[in-house]
Amino acid sequence: QAALAASRVSSLVASAAMWAAVRLLPRSALARARPGPTRTPIFGSVDALVARTAARSCAAAPNPAVATGAASQTDRARTEGEKSATRGVTAGTYWKLSKGKLTLWVSISALPGYMLALPACVEPMTLAALATGTFLTSASAQTMNQMYELDRDGLMHRTMHRPLPSGVMTMEEARNFAVASGTVGLGILSLGCNPLTAAVSATTMATYAAMYTPMKVLSPYNTHVGAISGALPTLLGFTAAMGTGLAGSPWALHAAWLFSMQVLWQMPHFYALAWIHRADYLRGGYKMFPLTDTTGLATAAMSKPYLVALCAMPVAASAAGLASWMLPVGAAVPSYLWWRALRRFEENPNIATCRRFFLGSLSYLLATLALFTGYARVDREQEEDSASGKQIVPVEPAWRVSLGARLSELCPHEKMRGDLFGLMRDGCPFDSGKGGAAA
């Protein structure tokens, strides 16, 4: 009960800190975030470097020359926003303010842990609370990020039409939305799941909005901090299913594997994104490693070690007993496709090949999350008669055991196992009838 009380207190404190931070953000943080020609000496003449980078990379900017000044671009975007603001703020405006697509990915990454670690059948209300609460808290963090970067977003072509820099939405409206969505999201996670899940989500919000966002203009290592913040949602599903019992459960290593995988994945993912839009990021005064890479070779070289580690992780998971050996077999396809995209970018670095490498990262993540949900398991000793002693029995989620009983006749892995006279004991993740047990 002491751990439960501590989790509830930490959740409430984090919620109060978020409210206070948002209230103070426009007066202090925005003043520090406002860029100027004297705030980016590390790049020398930013305008000149942006022009050179845009010319070499064929960046998306319609006019790479920035001699007209960033202020005129911001004013032009604000004027267009004021015209469109007469139509009123719509649901689509809040979707953009929340970075809806990114927030949806965050919500998806929280689901595998719950589907694996739940003690019995899926509880629809808990699952809905997990997905909804994660979405709302992520939307709050993304809104705070845009509030902090308001002026810098107004300098960049890819962000100047967002609700705040374009003038479609006021700072007060954004602040109210950040407070409301964050508070409601944390409340849903605390009541619909448990206080520990809300505390993990609050930590994610704090590291993203208060650490990663300001660090983007201070150090190129901001990507490393952002990778940790972006991987924390993978733990939400495990805590929603097990609460404070996760640390001592057999699923703790699975949570660590999933968290580590997503940390490693985000590095090449964001390196590719930064290289594609490096001219824009320079215009905004950000600091990232790929921004000074004019050829693309350095970005490819930085990404390669992470892909090697990601290719090895499914094998390591199966060797450690965290999953069936079908995990590395299934992961071989998305790993190969992403590696091939990296090789093509390395051999012919340009915007098109880098974009395919970036999109390949999304396909890889979605496939890996699905495969790990399908193949992860724990091994548990089970007593037999005196002659046989003990045997290791794979324990799988109850929903997978139930589903396997219905789909085993249609499963190609089970058919292959039968064709090979039963030699493939781990042929199918849904094979609960040959020694598997429900969690």
Foldseek 3Di string as FASTA:
>chain_A
DVVQVVLQVLLVVLLVVLLVCLVCQLPPLQVVLADDQVLQPVVPGLQVLLLVLCVLFVAPDPDSHCVVDLVVLLVVLQVQLVVVLVVPDDPVLLCLLLVVVLLQVLLVLLALLQLWQAQADDDVLLNVLSSQLSSLLSSLLSNLLCSSLLNLLSSFPVRCNRCRSSVSDDSVVSSVSSSVSNVVSLVSLCVSFNSNLSSLSSVLSCLRNVPLSVCQLPEQCSLLSNQLSSLSSNCSSNCSRQPPCLVVDLCVVVSVLSSVLSSLLSQLLVLLVCLSRLSRCSSSNTDHVNNPPSQQQVSLVVNVVSLVVNLCSQVVCVVVQFWFPVLNVQLVVLSVLLVVLSVVCNVHPHNVSSVSNNVSSVVSVVSNSVSSSQTTWHWDWDADDPVVGIDIATETANVLQVVLVVCVVVDPQNVVCVVVVNPRVRSGSSPCPSRYHHD
